[in-house]
Amino acid sequence: MDGGKIIIRITKLETHYEIAIIDDGVGMKEDKIESLLEDSSSKSKGIGLANTNRRFKQMFGKGLIIISEPDEGTTVIMEIPFS
């Protein structure tokens, strides 16, 4: 409620760009991460992350990487190949 930080970091690596979105929010447990990435028709949880994950898998062969711990924030990483 009082604010927080979001960092967007883009790193050029040897074979790809790594885009990381990092926040210092409430974080989440592994089961919540898995639930967010599932391709499901449940409208109550939203479909944005699941669709983005599916599209990255289709286009680049690898989905989103989500790293999170409760009370420590969340990092979402996307890897985009050069070619």
Protein backbone atom coordinates (compact mmCIF):
# COMPACT_ATOMS: atom_id res chain seq x y z
CA MET A 1 0.00 0.00 0.00
CA ASP A 2 2.85 2.40 0.76
CA GLY A 3 4.67 1.80 -2.49
CA GLY A 4 7.50 -0.39 -3.51
CA LYS A 5 10.10 -0.77 -6.19
CA ILE A 6 10.00 -2.30 -9.64
CA ILE A 7 13.23 -2.70 -11.56
CA ILE A 8 13.40 -3.58 -15.24
CA ARG A 9 16.81 -4.93 -16.20
CA ILE A 10 17.87 -5.84 -19.73
CA THR A 11 21.14 -7.71 -20.11
CA LYS A 12 22.82 -8.64 -23.38
CA LEU A 13 24.32 -12.10 -22.97
CA GLU A 14 26.25 -14.27 -25.41
CA THR A 15 23.25 -15.75 -27.24
CA HIS A 16 20.24 -13.77 -26.03
CA TYR A 17 18.84 -10.80 -24.19
CA GLU A 18 17.63 -11.39 -20.66
CA ILE A 19 14.80 -9.16 -19.53
CA ALA A 20 14.11 -9.26 -15.81
CA ILE A 21 11.26 -7.53 -14.00
CA ILE A 22 12.06 -7.42 -10.30
CA ASP A 23 9.81 -6.22 -7.48
CA ASP A 24 10.12 -6.05 -3.73
CA GLY A 25 6.49 -7.00 -3.10
CA VAL A 26 4.88 -9.76 -1.08
CA GLY A 27 6.28 -12.62 -3.18
CA MET A 28 4.63 -16.01 -3.49
CA LYS A 29 5.10 -19.73 -2.94
CA GLU A 30 6.00 -22.23 -5.67
CA ASP A 31 2.45 -23.57 -5.98
CA LYS A 32 1.14 -20.08 -6.72
CA ILE A 33 3.80 -19.62 -9.43
CA GLU A 34 2.83 -22.93 -11.04
CA SER A 35 -0.85 -21.93 -10.90
CA LEU A 36 -0.16 -18.61 -12.63
CA LEU A 37 1.73 -20.29 -15.48
CA GLU A 38 -0.87 -23.01 -16.11
CA ASP A 39 -2.85 -22.74 -19.32
CA SER A 40 -6.32 -22.67 -17.84
CA SER A 41 -9.61 -21.13 -18.78
CA SER A 42 -10.24 -19.95 -15.22
CA LYS A 43 -11.02 -16.26 -15.49
CA SER A 44 -10.70 -15.64 -11.76
CA LYS A 45 -6.89 -15.81 -11.82
CA GLY A 46 -6.34 -14.00 -15.10
CA ILE A 47 -4.63 -15.25 -18.22
CA GLY A 48 -1.84 -12.72 -18.86
CA LEU A 49 1.11 -14.66 -17.46
CA ALA A 50 -0.13 -18.01 -18.77
CA ASN A 51 -0.55 -16.56 -22.29
CA THR A 52 2.83 -14.85 -22.20
CA ASN A 53 4.48 -18.06 -20.97
CA ARG A 54 2.81 -20.10 -23.73
CA ARG A 55 3.83 -17.59 -26.42
CA PHE A 56 7.45 -17.52 -25.26
CA LYS A 57 7.55 -21.33 -25.37
CA GLN A 58 6.12 -21.31 -28.91
CA MET A 59 8.38 -18.56 -30.22
CA PHE A 60 11.64 -19.20 -28.36
CA GLY A 61 11.38 -22.73 -26.97
CA LYS A 62 11.53 -21.54 -23.38
CA GLY A 63 8.88 -20.02 -21.13
CA LEU A 64 9.04 -17.46 -18.38
CA ILE A 65 11.26 -18.00 -15.36
CA ILE A 66 9.67 -16.84 -12.11
CA ILE A 67 11.70 -16.66 -8.92
CA SER A 68 9.86 -15.68 -5.78
CA GLU A 69 9.86 -16.08 -2.02
CA PRO A 70 7.06 -14.99 0.30
CA ASP A 71 7.80 -11.56 1.82
CA GLU A 72 10.86 -11.09 -0.42
CA GLY A 73 9.49 -10.08 -3.82
CA THR A 74 9.36 -11.64 -7.25
CA THR A 75 11.55 -11.73 -10.35
CA VAL A 76 10.17 -12.65 -13.77
CA ILE A 77 12.80 -13.41 -16.43
CA MET A 78 12.31 -13.61 -20.19
CA GLU A 79 15.06 -14.78 -22.52
CA ILE A 80 14.94 -13.58 -26.13
CA PRO A 81 17.45 -15.09 -28.60
CA PHE A 82 19.26 -12.79 -31.01
CA SER A 83 18.12 -14.65 -34.14
